[in-house]
Amino acid sequence: MQDSELTALTRYAKSLAHLTPEQESFLLAHGPELKGHLPQITEYFYENLLAVPEAAAFLGERVDQLKKTHLAWLETVVTGPYDNAYTAYMYQVGKTHVLVNLPVEFMAGGMTLIMEAFHASLQTLYRNDPETLQAMVRALTSVLGFSLILMQKSYQLSANAEQLTRFLKITGISRELYTNMSKLYKE
């Protein structure tokens, strides 16, 4: 993906998720306060995923490695930056989910689990500061929505590309011929 495409996707996903510059600044300032809670959030996430047989089948024996990757990602969620590099990373995560045939709804379900776990940590951390609690909930909701949009966009495009590759293989049509035919039928 070109830099200009990453920039456009970043802007688009931030707009949809309502991830504002103010929220980004807030997370950059306060996000590190959550670092100590991230291992507990990762444990909650995988404990709940493993309780769903359909999800557990995708995790297999890789759970320990996946927990390490998840924990590293959560750290970027709370510390940023939410730039083109973050977009590229989340885009790659979406592609990886397509490669392992992860059902798309697992991503939305996973984000729900993560936000649920964040809520519990935030209630503990900011129980005496309702203003910061509300601001953190809004900022985390937006950054997790931003992340989900990036993964879903990648998932959709990667799945479409995979389907096209299978179609071309089955029909014996070359990619060049398909591209030329597509240009003729654009409306």
N, C-alpha and C. Protein backbone atom coordinates (compact mmCIF):
# COMPACT_ATOMS: atom_id res chain seq x y z
N MET A 1 0.85 -1.17 0.00
CA MET A 1 0.00 0.00 0.00
C MET A 1 0.90 1.24 0.00
N GLN A 2 0.61 2.17 -0.87
CA GLN A 2 1.36 3.41 -1.00
C GLN A 2 1.12 4.31 0.21
N ASP A 3 2.07 5.22 0.48
CA ASP A 3 1.92 6.16 1.60
C ASP A 3 0.64 6.99 1.48
N SER A 4 0.34 7.42 0.26
CA SER A 4 -0.86 8.24 0.08
C SER A 4 -2.13 7.44 0.39
N GLU A 5 -2.11 6.15 0.06
CA GLU A 5 -3.26 5.29 0.37
C GLU A 5 -3.37 5.06 1.88
N LEU A 6 -2.23 4.88 2.53
CA LEU A 6 -2.23 4.73 3.99
C LEU A 6 -2.76 5.99 4.67
N THR A 7 -2.33 7.14 4.18
CA THR A 7 -2.78 8.41 4.74
C THR A 7 -4.30 8.56 4.57
N ALA A 8 -4.78 8.23 3.39
CA ALA A 8 -6.22 8.34 3.13
C ALA A 8 -7.00 7.36 4.00
N LEU A 9 -6.49 6.13 4.14
CA LEU A 9 -7.17 5.14 4.97
C LEU A 9 -7.15 5.56 6.44
N THR A 10 -6.03 6.07 6.89
CA THR A 10 -5.91 6.55 8.28
C THR A 10 -6.94 7.64 8.53
N ARG A 11 -7.00 8.60 7.64
CA ARG A 11 -7.94 9.72 7.79
C ARG A 11 -9.39 9.22 7.79
N TYR A 12 -9.69 8.34 6.86
CA TYR A 12 -11.04 7.79 6.73
C TYR A 12 -11.45 7.03 7.99
N ALA A 13 -10.59 6.12 8.46
CA ALA A 13 -10.92 5.30 9.63
C ALA A 13 -11.03 6.15 10.89
N LYS A 14 -10.16 7.15 11.02
CA LYS A 14 -10.26 8.05 12.19
C LYS A 14 -11.58 8.81 12.15
N SER A 15 -11.97 9.24 10.98
CA SER A 15 -13.22 9.98 10.85
C SER A 15 -14.42 9.10 11.24
N LEU A 16 -14.45 7.87 10.73
CA LEU A 16 -15.55 6.96 11.05
C LEU A 16 -15.61 6.62 12.54
N ALA A 17 -14.44 6.45 13.14
CA ALA A 17 -14.37 6.06 14.56
C ALA A 17 -14.43 7.27 15.49
N HIS A 18 -14.44 8.44 14.91
CA HIS A 18 -14.42 9.70 15.66
C HIS A 18 -13.21 9.76 16.59
N LEU A 19 -12.06 9.35 16.04
CA LEU A 19 -10.80 9.47 16.78
C LEU A 19 -10.23 10.84 16.47
N THR A 20 -10.43 11.77 17.40
CA THR A 20 -10.05 13.16 17.19
C THR A 20 -8.61 13.41 17.65
N PRO A 21 -8.01 14.48 17.17
CA PRO A 21 -6.67 14.85 17.65
C PRO A 21 -6.65 15.04 19.18
N GLU A 22 -7.74 15.54 19.74
CA GLU A 22 -7.82 15.73 21.19
C GLU A 22 -7.78 14.38 21.92
N GLN A 23 -8.50 13.41 21.38
CA GLN A 23 -8.48 12.08 21.99
C GLN A 23 -7.10 11.44 21.86
N GLU A 24 -6.48 11.62 20.72
CA GLU A 24 -5.13 11.09 20.54
C GLU A 24 -4.18 11.69 21.56
N SER A 25 -4.24 13.00 21.73
CA SER A 25 -3.39 13.68 22.72
C SER A 25 -3.68 13.18 24.12
N PHE A 26 -4.96 13.00 24.41
CA PHE A 26 -5.35 12.51 25.72
C PHE A 26 -4.76 11.13 25.99
N LEU A 27 -4.88 10.24 24.99
CA LEU A 27 -4.32 8.89 25.16
C LEU A 27 -2.80 8.92 25.27
N LEU A 28 -2.15 9.77 24.51
CA LEU A 28 -0.69 9.87 24.61
C LEU A 28 -0.28 10.33 26.01
N ALA A 29 -1.09 11.19 26.61
CA ALA A 29 -0.78 11.69 27.96
C ALA A 29 -1.15 10.70 29.06
N HIS A 30 -2.30 10.04 28.92
CA HIS A 30 -2.81 9.20 30.00
C HIS A 30 -2.71 7.69 29.74
N GLY A 31 -2.52 7.31 28.51
CA GLY A 31 -2.45 5.89 28.16
C GLY A 31 -1.42 5.10 28.94
N PRO A 32 -0.22 5.65 29.15
CA PRO A 32 0.79 4.88 29.90
C PRO A 32 0.33 4.46 31.30
N GLU A 33 -0.66 5.16 31.85
CA GLU A 33 -1.20 4.78 33.16
C GLU A 33 -1.87 3.41 33.13
N LEU A 34 -2.24 2.97 31.93
CA LEU A 34 -2.93 1.68 31.77
C LEU A 34 -1.99 0.50 31.56
N LYS A 35 -0.72 0.78 31.32
CA LYS A 35 0.22 -0.29 30.98
C LYS A 35 0.20 -1.46 31.96
N GLY A 36 0.11 -1.18 33.24
CA GLY A 36 0.10 -2.24 34.24
C GLY A 36 -1.13 -3.12 34.19
N HIS A 37 -2.18 -2.66 33.53
CA HIS A 37 -3.44 -3.41 33.42
C HIS A 37 -3.50 -4.27 32.15
N LEU A 38 -2.58 -4.06 31.23
CA LEU A 38 -2.65 -4.74 29.94
C LEU A 38 -2.51 -6.26 30.02
N PRO A 39 -1.62 -6.80 30.87
CA PRO A 39 -1.56 -8.26 30.96
C PRO A 39 -2.90 -8.87 31.41
N GLN A 40 -3.56 -8.23 32.33
CA GLN A 40 -4.86 -8.70 32.82
C GLN A 40 -5.91 -8.62 31.70
N ILE A 41 -5.85 -7.58 30.88
CA ILE A 41 -6.79 -7.44 29.77
C ILE A 41 -6.54 -8.53 28.74
N THR A 42 -5.28 -8.82 28.45
CA THR A 42 -4.95 -9.90 27.51
C THR A 42 -5.43 -11.24 28.04
N GLU A 43 -5.22 -11.50 29.32
CA GLU A 43 -5.69 -12.76 29.91
C GLU A 43 -7.21 -12.88 29.80
N TYR A 44 -7.92 -11.80 30.10
CA TYR A 44 -9.38 -11.79 30.01
C TYR A 44 -9.82 -12.09 28.57
N PHE A 45 -9.15 -11.45 27.62
CA PHE A 45 -9.46 -11.63 26.20
C PHE A 45 -9.34 -13.10 25.80
N TYR A 46 -8.21 -13.72 26.10
CA TYR A 46 -7.99 -15.10 25.67
C TYR A 46 -8.81 -16.09 26.49
N GLU A 47 -9.03 -15.82 27.74
CA GLU A 47 -9.88 -16.69 28.56
C GLU A 47 -11.28 -16.77 27.96
N ASN A 48 -11.80 -15.62 27.56
CA ASN A 48 -13.14 -15.59 26.98
C ASN A 48 -13.18 -16.15 25.57
N LEU A 49 -12.16 -15.92 24.78
CA LEU A 49 -12.12 -16.51 23.44
C LEU A 49 -12.04 -18.03 23.51
N LEU A 50 -11.23 -18.53 24.42
CA LEU A 50 -11.07 -19.98 24.55
C LEU A 50 -12.35 -20.66 25.03
N ALA A 51 -13.25 -19.89 25.64
CA ALA A 51 -14.53 -20.44 26.10
C ALA A 51 -15.53 -20.61 24.95
N VAL A 52 -15.22 -20.04 23.80
CA VAL A 52 -16.09 -20.17 22.62
C VAL A 52 -15.45 -21.22 21.70
N PRO A 53 -16.07 -22.40 21.57
CA PRO A 53 -15.44 -23.48 20.80
C PRO A 53 -15.01 -23.08 19.39
N GLU A 54 -15.83 -22.29 18.71
CA GLU A 54 -15.48 -21.88 17.35
C GLU A 54 -14.23 -21.00 17.34
N ALA A 55 -14.07 -20.17 18.35
CA ALA A 55 -12.88 -19.32 18.44
C ALA A 55 -11.67 -20.13 18.90
N ALA A 56 -11.88 -21.00 19.86
CA ALA A 56 -10.78 -21.82 20.40
C ALA A 56 -10.12 -22.64 19.30
N ALA A 57 -10.92 -23.08 18.32
CA ALA A 57 -10.36 -23.88 17.22
C ALA A 57 -9.31 -23.12 16.43
N PHE A 58 -9.42 -21.80 16.36
CA PHE A 58 -8.46 -20.98 15.61
C PHE A 58 -7.19 -20.69 16.42
N LEU A 59 -7.30 -20.79 17.72
CA LEU A 59 -6.17 -20.44 18.57
C LEU A 59 -5.19 -21.58 18.73
N GLY A 60 -5.72 -22.78 18.85
CA GLY A 60 -4.87 -23.96 18.94
C GLY A 60 -3.81 -23.85 20.01
N GLU A 61 -2.62 -24.28 19.65
CA GLU A 61 -1.50 -24.30 20.60
C GLU A 61 -0.66 -23.02 20.52
N ARG A 62 -1.16 -22.02 19.83
CA ARG A 62 -0.40 -20.78 19.65
C ARG A 62 -0.77 -19.71 20.67
N VAL A 63 -1.57 -20.05 21.66
CA VAL A 63 -2.10 -19.05 22.58
C VAL A 63 -1.00 -18.25 23.26
N ASP A 64 0.05 -18.91 23.72
CA ASP A 64 1.11 -18.17 24.42
C ASP A 64 1.77 -17.14 23.52
N GLN A 65 2.05 -17.51 22.27
CA GLN A 65 2.65 -16.56 21.34
C GLN A 65 1.65 -15.45 20.98
N LEU A 66 0.40 -15.83 20.79
CA LEU A 66 -0.62 -14.83 20.47
C LEU A 66 -0.81 -13.83 21.62
N LYS A 67 -0.70 -14.30 22.85
CA LYS A 67 -0.80 -13.40 24.01
C LYS A 67 0.31 -12.36 23.99
N LYS A 68 1.51 -12.77 23.63
CA LYS A 68 2.64 -11.82 23.57
C LYS A 68 2.38 -10.76 22.50
N THR A 69 1.92 -11.21 21.33
CA THR A 69 1.61 -10.28 20.25
C THR A 69 0.48 -9.34 20.65
N HIS A 70 -0.54 -9.89 21.27
CA HIS A 70 -1.70 -9.10 21.70
C HIS A 70 -1.29 -8.05 22.73
N LEU A 71 -0.47 -8.44 23.67
CA LEU A 71 -0.01 -7.52 24.70
C LEU A 71 0.80 -6.37 24.09
N ALA A 72 1.66 -6.69 23.13
CA ALA A 72 2.45 -5.64 22.46
C ALA A 72 1.51 -4.69 21.70
N TRP A 73 0.49 -5.25 21.05
CA TRP A 73 -0.46 -4.40 20.33
C TRP A 73 -1.23 -3.51 21.30
N LEU A 74 -1.69 -4.08 22.43
CA LEU A 74 -2.43 -3.27 23.40
C LEU A 74 -1.60 -2.09 23.89
N GLU A 75 -0.30 -2.31 24.01
CA GLU A 75 0.56 -1.20 24.44
C GLU A 75 0.51 -0.07 23.42
N THR A 76 0.49 -0.41 22.13
CA THR A 76 0.39 0.65 21.11
C THR A 76 -1.00 1.30 21.14
N VAL A 77 -2.01 0.52 21.52
CA VAL A 77 -3.36 1.07 21.62
C VAL A 77 -3.39 2.20 22.64
N VAL A 78 -2.70 2.02 23.76
CA VAL A 78 -2.78 3.04 24.82
C VAL A 78 -1.68 4.10 24.74
N THR A 79 -0.69 3.90 23.87
CA THR A 79 0.40 4.88 23.81
C THR A 79 0.61 5.49 22.43
N GLY A 80 -0.08 4.96 21.41
CA GLY A 80 0.06 5.52 20.07
C GLY A 80 1.44 5.31 19.49
N PRO A 81 1.79 6.08 18.50
CA PRO A 81 0.94 7.03 17.77
C PRO A 81 0.01 6.30 16.81
N TYR A 82 -1.05 6.96 16.40
CA TYR A 82 -2.07 6.40 15.53
C TYR A 82 -1.87 6.97 14.13
N ASP A 83 -0.75 6.58 13.57
CA ASP A 83 -0.28 7.15 12.31
C ASP A 83 -0.31 6.10 11.20
N ASN A 84 0.36 6.40 10.09
CA ASN A 84 0.39 5.47 8.96
C ASN A 84 1.04 4.14 9.33
N ALA A 85 2.03 4.15 10.20
CA ALA A 85 2.67 2.90 10.61
C ALA A 85 1.66 2.03 11.38
N TYR A 86 0.88 2.66 12.24
CA TYR A 86 -0.16 1.92 12.97
C TYR A 86 -1.20 1.38 11.98
N THR A 87 -1.59 2.20 11.02
CA THR A 87 -2.55 1.77 10.00
C THR A 87 -2.00 0.58 9.23
N ALA A 88 -0.75 0.66 8.81
CA ALA A 88 -0.13 -0.45 8.06
C ALA A 88 -0.10 -1.72 8.89
N TYR A 89 0.21 -1.59 10.18
CA TYR A 89 0.25 -2.76 11.06
C TYR A 89 -1.13 -3.39 11.17
N MET A 90 -2.15 -2.58 11.44
CA MET A 90 -3.50 -3.12 11.59
C MET A 90 -4.03 -3.68 10.28
N TYR A 91 -3.63 -3.08 9.18
CA TYR A 91 -4.01 -3.59 7.86
C TYR A 91 -3.42 -4.98 7.67
N GLN A 92 -2.17 -5.17 8.08
CA GLN A 92 -1.53 -6.47 7.97
C GLN A 92 -2.22 -7.49 8.88
N VAL A 93 -2.67 -7.07 10.04
CA VAL A 93 -3.40 -7.97 10.94
C VAL A 93 -4.67 -8.47 10.24
N GLY A 94 -5.37 -7.58 9.58
CA GLY A 94 -6.57 -7.98 8.83
C GLY A 94 -6.25 -9.00 7.75
N LYS A 95 -5.15 -8.77 7.02
CA LYS A 95 -4.73 -9.73 5.98
C LYS A 95 -4.41 -11.09 6.59
N THR A 96 -3.74 -11.07 7.73
CA THR A 96 -3.40 -12.32 8.41
C THR A 96 -4.66 -13.08 8.82
N HIS A 97 -5.66 -12.35 9.28
CA HIS A 97 -6.91 -12.99 9.65
C HIS A 97 -7.57 -13.66 8.45
N VAL A 98 -7.44 -13.09 7.27
CA VAL A 98 -7.97 -13.72 6.07
C VAL A 98 -7.19 -15.00 5.77
N LEU A 99 -5.86 -14.92 5.87
CA LEU A 99 -5.02 -16.09 5.58
C LEU A 99 -5.32 -17.29 6.46
N VAL A 100 -5.71 -17.04 7.71
CA VAL A 100 -6.03 -18.15 8.62
C VAL A 100 -7.53 -18.46 8.61
N ASN A 101 -8.27 -17.82 7.70
CA ASN A 101 -9.72 -18.03 7.57
C ASN A 101 -10.50 -17.71 8.84
N LEU A 102 -10.06 -16.71 9.55
CA LEU A 102 -10.76 -16.28 10.75
C LEU A 102 -12.09 -15.65 10.35
N PRO A 103 -13.20 -16.10 10.90
CA PRO A 103 -14.47 -15.46 10.58
C PRO A 103 -14.43 -13.97 10.96
N VAL A 104 -14.94 -13.13 10.10
CA VAL A 104 -14.86 -11.68 10.29
C VAL A 104 -15.51 -11.23 11.60
N GLU A 105 -16.54 -11.92 12.02
CA GLU A 105 -17.24 -11.51 13.24
C GLU A 105 -16.38 -11.70 14.49
N PHE A 106 -15.33 -12.51 14.41
CA PHE A 106 -14.44 -12.69 15.55
C PHE A 106 -13.72 -11.38 15.89
N MET A 107 -13.45 -10.56 14.88
CA MET A 107 -12.77 -9.29 15.14
C MET A 107 -13.67 -8.35 15.95
N ALA A 108 -14.94 -8.24 15.58
CA ALA A 108 -15.86 -7.38 16.32
C ALA A 108 -16.09 -7.94 17.72
N GLY A 109 -16.25 -9.25 17.82
CA GLY A 109 -16.42 -9.86 19.13
C GLY A 109 -15.20 -9.65 20.01
N GLY A 110 -14.02 -9.75 19.40
CA GLY A 110 -12.78 -9.53 20.15
C GLY A 110 -12.68 -8.12 20.67
N MET A 111 -13.05 -7.15 19.86
CA MET A 111 -13.00 -5.75 20.31
C MET A 111 -13.98 -5.51 21.46
N THR A 112 -15.11 -6.20 21.43
CA THR A 112 -16.07 -6.09 22.53
C THR A 112 -15.44 -6.60 23.82
N LEU A 113 -14.76 -7.75 23.74
CA LEU A 113 -14.09 -8.30 24.92
C LEU A 113 -13.02 -7.35 25.45
N ILE A 114 -12.26 -6.76 24.54
CA ILE A 114 -11.19 -5.85 24.94
C ILE A 114 -11.77 -4.63 25.64
N MET A 115 -12.81 -4.05 25.07
CA MET A 115 -13.41 -2.86 25.69
C MET A 115 -14.01 -3.20 27.03
N GLU A 116 -14.63 -4.38 27.13
CA GLU A 116 -15.18 -4.83 28.41
C GLU A 116 -14.08 -4.89 29.48
N ALA A 117 -12.95 -5.46 29.12
CA ALA A 117 -11.83 -5.57 30.06
C ALA A 117 -11.26 -4.19 30.39
N PHE A 118 -11.17 -3.32 29.40
CA PHE A 118 -10.70 -1.96 29.66
C PHE A 118 -11.64 -1.25 30.64
N HIS A 119 -12.94 -1.44 30.47
CA HIS A 119 -13.90 -0.80 31.37
C HIS A 119 -13.61 -1.17 32.82
N ALA A 120 -13.38 -2.44 33.07
CA ALA A 120 -13.10 -2.88 34.44
C ALA A 120 -11.84 -2.22 34.98
N SER A 121 -10.80 -2.16 34.16
CA SER A 121 -9.55 -1.53 34.60
C SER A 121 -9.73 -0.03 34.81
N LEU A 122 -10.46 0.60 33.91
CA LEU A 122 -10.68 2.05 34.03
C LEU A 122 -11.48 2.39 35.27
N GLN A 123 -12.47 1.56 35.59
CA GLN A 123 -13.28 1.80 36.79
C GLN A 123 -12.40 1.77 38.04
N THR A 124 -11.45 0.86 38.03
CA THR A 124 -10.52 0.75 39.18
C THR A 124 -9.56 1.93 39.21
N LEU A 125 -8.97 2.22 38.08
CA LEU A 125 -7.93 3.23 37.99
C LEU A 125 -8.46 4.65 38.23
N TYR A 126 -9.65 4.94 37.71
CA TYR A 126 -10.18 6.30 37.77
C TYR A 126 -11.47 6.40 38.60
N ARG A 127 -11.63 5.55 39.58
CA ARG A 127 -12.87 5.54 40.37
C ARG A 127 -13.13 6.88 41.06
N ASN A 128 -12.09 7.62 41.35
CA ASN A 128 -12.26 8.92 42.03
C ASN A 128 -12.11 10.11 41.07
N ASP A 129 -12.09 9.81 39.77
CA ASP A 129 -11.91 10.87 38.78
C ASP A 129 -12.84 10.61 37.59
N PRO A 130 -14.16 10.87 37.78
CA PRO A 130 -15.13 10.55 36.73
C PRO A 130 -14.89 11.27 35.40
N GLU A 131 -14.33 12.45 35.45
CA GLU A 131 -14.06 13.19 34.21
C GLU A 131 -13.00 12.47 33.36
N THR A 132 -11.92 12.05 34.00
CA THR A 132 -10.87 11.31 33.28
C THR A 132 -11.40 9.95 32.82
N LEU A 133 -12.20 9.32 33.66
CA LEU A 133 -12.80 8.04 33.30
C LEU A 133 -13.61 8.16 32.02
N GLN A 134 -14.47 9.17 31.95
CA GLN A 134 -15.30 9.36 30.76
C GLN A 134 -14.45 9.67 29.53
N ALA A 135 -13.46 10.52 29.69
CA ALA A 135 -12.59 10.87 28.57
C ALA A 135 -11.81 9.65 28.08
N MET A 136 -11.36 8.82 29.01
CA MET A 136 -10.61 7.62 28.63
C MET A 136 -11.50 6.61 27.92
N VAL A 137 -12.72 6.44 28.40
CA VAL A 137 -13.66 5.52 27.74
C VAL A 137 -13.91 5.99 26.30
N ARG A 138 -14.15 7.28 26.12
CA ARG A 138 -14.39 7.80 24.77
C ARG A 138 -13.17 7.60 23.88
N ALA A 139 -11.99 7.91 24.39
CA ALA A 139 -10.77 7.80 23.60
C ALA A 139 -10.48 6.34 23.24
N LEU A 140 -10.61 5.45 24.21
CA LEU A 140 -10.34 4.03 23.93
C LEU A 140 -11.38 3.44 22.98
N THR A 141 -12.64 3.83 23.15
CA THR A 141 -13.67 3.36 22.23
C THR A 141 -13.33 3.79 20.81
N SER A 142 -12.88 5.01 20.64
CA SER A 142 -12.53 5.51 19.32
C SER A 142 -11.31 4.81 18.74
N VAL A 143 -10.27 4.62 19.55
CA VAL A 143 -9.06 4.00 19.01
C VAL A 143 -9.30 2.52 18.71
N LEU A 144 -10.12 1.85 19.50
CA LEU A 144 -10.45 0.45 19.19
C LEU A 144 -11.35 0.37 17.95
N GLY A 145 -12.26 1.33 17.80
CA GLY A 145 -13.07 1.39 16.59
C GLY A 145 -12.21 1.65 15.36
N PHE A 146 -11.27 2.56 15.49
CA PHE A 146 -10.30 2.85 14.43
C PHE A 146 -9.55 1.59 14.04
N SER A 147 -9.08 0.86 15.02
CA SER A 147 -8.34 -0.38 14.77
C SER A 147 -9.20 -1.41 14.07
N LEU A 148 -10.43 -1.56 14.51
CA LEU A 148 -11.35 -2.52 13.90
C LEU A 148 -11.65 -2.15 12.46
N ILE A 149 -11.89 -0.89 12.20
CA ILE A 149 -12.16 -0.45 10.83
C ILE A 149 -10.98 -0.79 9.92
N LEU A 150 -9.78 -0.56 10.38
CA LEU A 150 -8.59 -0.86 9.58
C LEU A 150 -8.50 -2.36 9.28
N MET A 151 -8.72 -3.18 10.29
CA MET A 151 -8.68 -4.62 10.08
C MET A 151 -9.79 -5.07 9.14
N GLN A 152 -10.99 -4.54 9.31
CA GLN A 152 -12.10 -4.95 8.46
C GLN A 152 -11.90 -4.53 7.01
N LYS A 153 -11.36 -3.33 6.81
CA LYS A 153 -11.10 -2.87 5.45
C LYS A 153 -10.10 -3.80 4.76
N SER A 154 -9.03 -4.11 5.46
CA SER A 154 -8.02 -5.03 4.94
C SER A 154 -8.62 -6.41 4.71
N TYR A 155 -9.41 -6.88 5.66
CA TYR A 155 -10.04 -8.19 5.56
C TYR A 155 -10.89 -8.26 4.31
N GLN A 156 -11.70 -7.23 4.10
CA GLN A 156 -12.59 -7.21 2.94
C GLN A 156 -11.80 -7.23 1.64
N LEU A 157 -10.81 -6.35 1.53
CA LEU A 157 -10.02 -6.28 0.29
C LEU A 157 -9.20 -7.55 0.07
N SER A 158 -8.64 -8.10 1.15
CA SER A 158 -7.84 -9.33 1.03
C SER A 158 -8.71 -10.51 0.65
N ALA A 159 -9.89 -10.59 1.23
CA ALA A 159 -10.81 -11.69 0.90
C ALA A 159 -11.25 -11.58 -0.55
N ASN A 160 -11.54 -10.35 -1.02
CA ASN A 160 -11.91 -10.16 -2.42
C ASN A 160 -10.78 -10.56 -3.35
N ALA A 161 -9.55 -10.19 -3.00
CA ALA A 161 -8.39 -10.54 -3.83
C ALA A 161 -8.20 -12.04 -3.87
N GLU A 162 -8.40 -12.70 -2.74
CA GLU A 162 -8.25 -14.15 -2.68
C GLU A 162 -9.32 -14.83 -3.55
N GLN A 163 -10.55 -14.33 -3.49
CA GLN A 163 -11.62 -14.88 -4.31
C GLN A 163 -11.34 -14.68 -5.79
N LEU A 164 -10.82 -13.51 -6.16
CA LEU A 164 -10.48 -13.26 -7.55
C LEU A 164 -9.38 -14.21 -8.02
N THR A 165 -8.38 -14.42 -7.20
CA THR A 165 -7.30 -15.34 -7.56
C THR A 165 -7.86 -16.74 -7.80
N ARG A 166 -8.76 -17.20 -6.93
CA ARG A 166 -9.38 -18.53 -7.13
C ARG A 166 -10.19 -18.55 -8.42
N PHE A 167 -10.97 -17.47 -8.67
CA PHE A 167 -11.78 -17.40 -9.88
C PHE A 167 -10.90 -17.49 -11.13
N LEU A 168 -9.81 -16.74 -11.14
CA LEU A 168 -8.91 -16.75 -12.29
C LEU A 168 -8.29 -18.14 -12.49
N LYS A 169 -7.95 -18.79 -11.41
CA LYS A 169 -7.37 -20.13 -11.50
C LYS A 169 -8.38 -21.13 -12.05
N ILE A 170 -9.61 -21.06 -11.54
CA ILE A 170 -10.66 -21.98 -11.97
C ILE A 170 -11.01 -21.78 -13.43
N THR A 171 -11.12 -20.52 -13.86
CA THR A 171 -11.55 -20.23 -15.23
C THR A 171 -10.41 -20.24 -16.24
N GLY A 172 -9.19 -20.11 -15.76
CA GLY A 172 -8.05 -20.07 -16.67
C GLY A 172 -7.85 -18.70 -17.31
N ILE A 173 -8.60 -17.71 -16.85
CA ILE A 173 -8.45 -16.34 -17.37
C ILE A 173 -7.21 -15.72 -16.74
N SER A 174 -6.41 -15.05 -17.56
CA SER A 174 -5.23 -14.38 -17.02
C SER A 174 -5.65 -13.11 -16.30
N ARG A 175 -4.82 -12.66 -15.38
CA ARG A 175 -5.11 -11.41 -14.66
C ARG A 175 -5.17 -10.24 -15.64
N GLU A 176 -4.29 -10.25 -16.63
CA GLU A 176 -4.27 -9.17 -17.62
C GLU A 176 -5.58 -9.13 -18.40
N LEU A 177 -6.06 -10.30 -18.83
CA LEU A 177 -7.33 -10.35 -19.56
C LEU A 177 -8.48 -9.88 -18.66
N TYR A 178 -8.48 -10.34 -17.43
CA TYR A 178 -9.52 -9.92 -16.50
C TYR A 178 -9.51 -8.41 -16.31
N THR A 179 -8.33 -7.83 -16.12
CA THR A 179 -8.20 -6.38 -15.94
C THR A 179 -8.73 -5.64 -17.17
N ASN A 180 -8.36 -6.11 -18.35
CA ASN A 180 -8.84 -5.47 -19.58
C ASN A 180 -10.35 -5.59 -19.72
N MET A 181 -10.89 -6.76 -19.40
CA MET A 181 -12.35 -6.95 -19.46
C MET A 181 -13.05 -6.04 -18.46
N SER A 182 -12.48 -5.90 -17.29
CA SER A 182 -13.07 -5.05 -16.26
C SER A 182 -13.11 -3.60 -16.70
N LYS A 183 -12.06 -3.16 -17.37
CA LYS A 183 -12.02 -1.77 -17.86
C LYS A 183 -13.12 -1.52 -18.88
N LEU A 184 -13.44 -2.52 -19.68
CA LEU A 184 -14.48 -2.36 -20.69
C LEU A 184 -15.87 -2.23 -20.08
N TYR A 185 -16.07 -2.83 -18.92
CA TYR A 185 -17.40 -2.87 -18.33
C TYR A 185 -17.59 -1.90 -17.17
N LYS A 186 -16.68 -0.99 -17.00
CA LYS A 186 -16.85 0.03 -15.94
C LYS A 186 -17.95 1.00 -16.37
N GLU A 187 -18.81 1.29 -15.45
CA GLU A 187 -19.91 2.21 -15.78
C GLU A 187 -19.74 3.52 -15.09
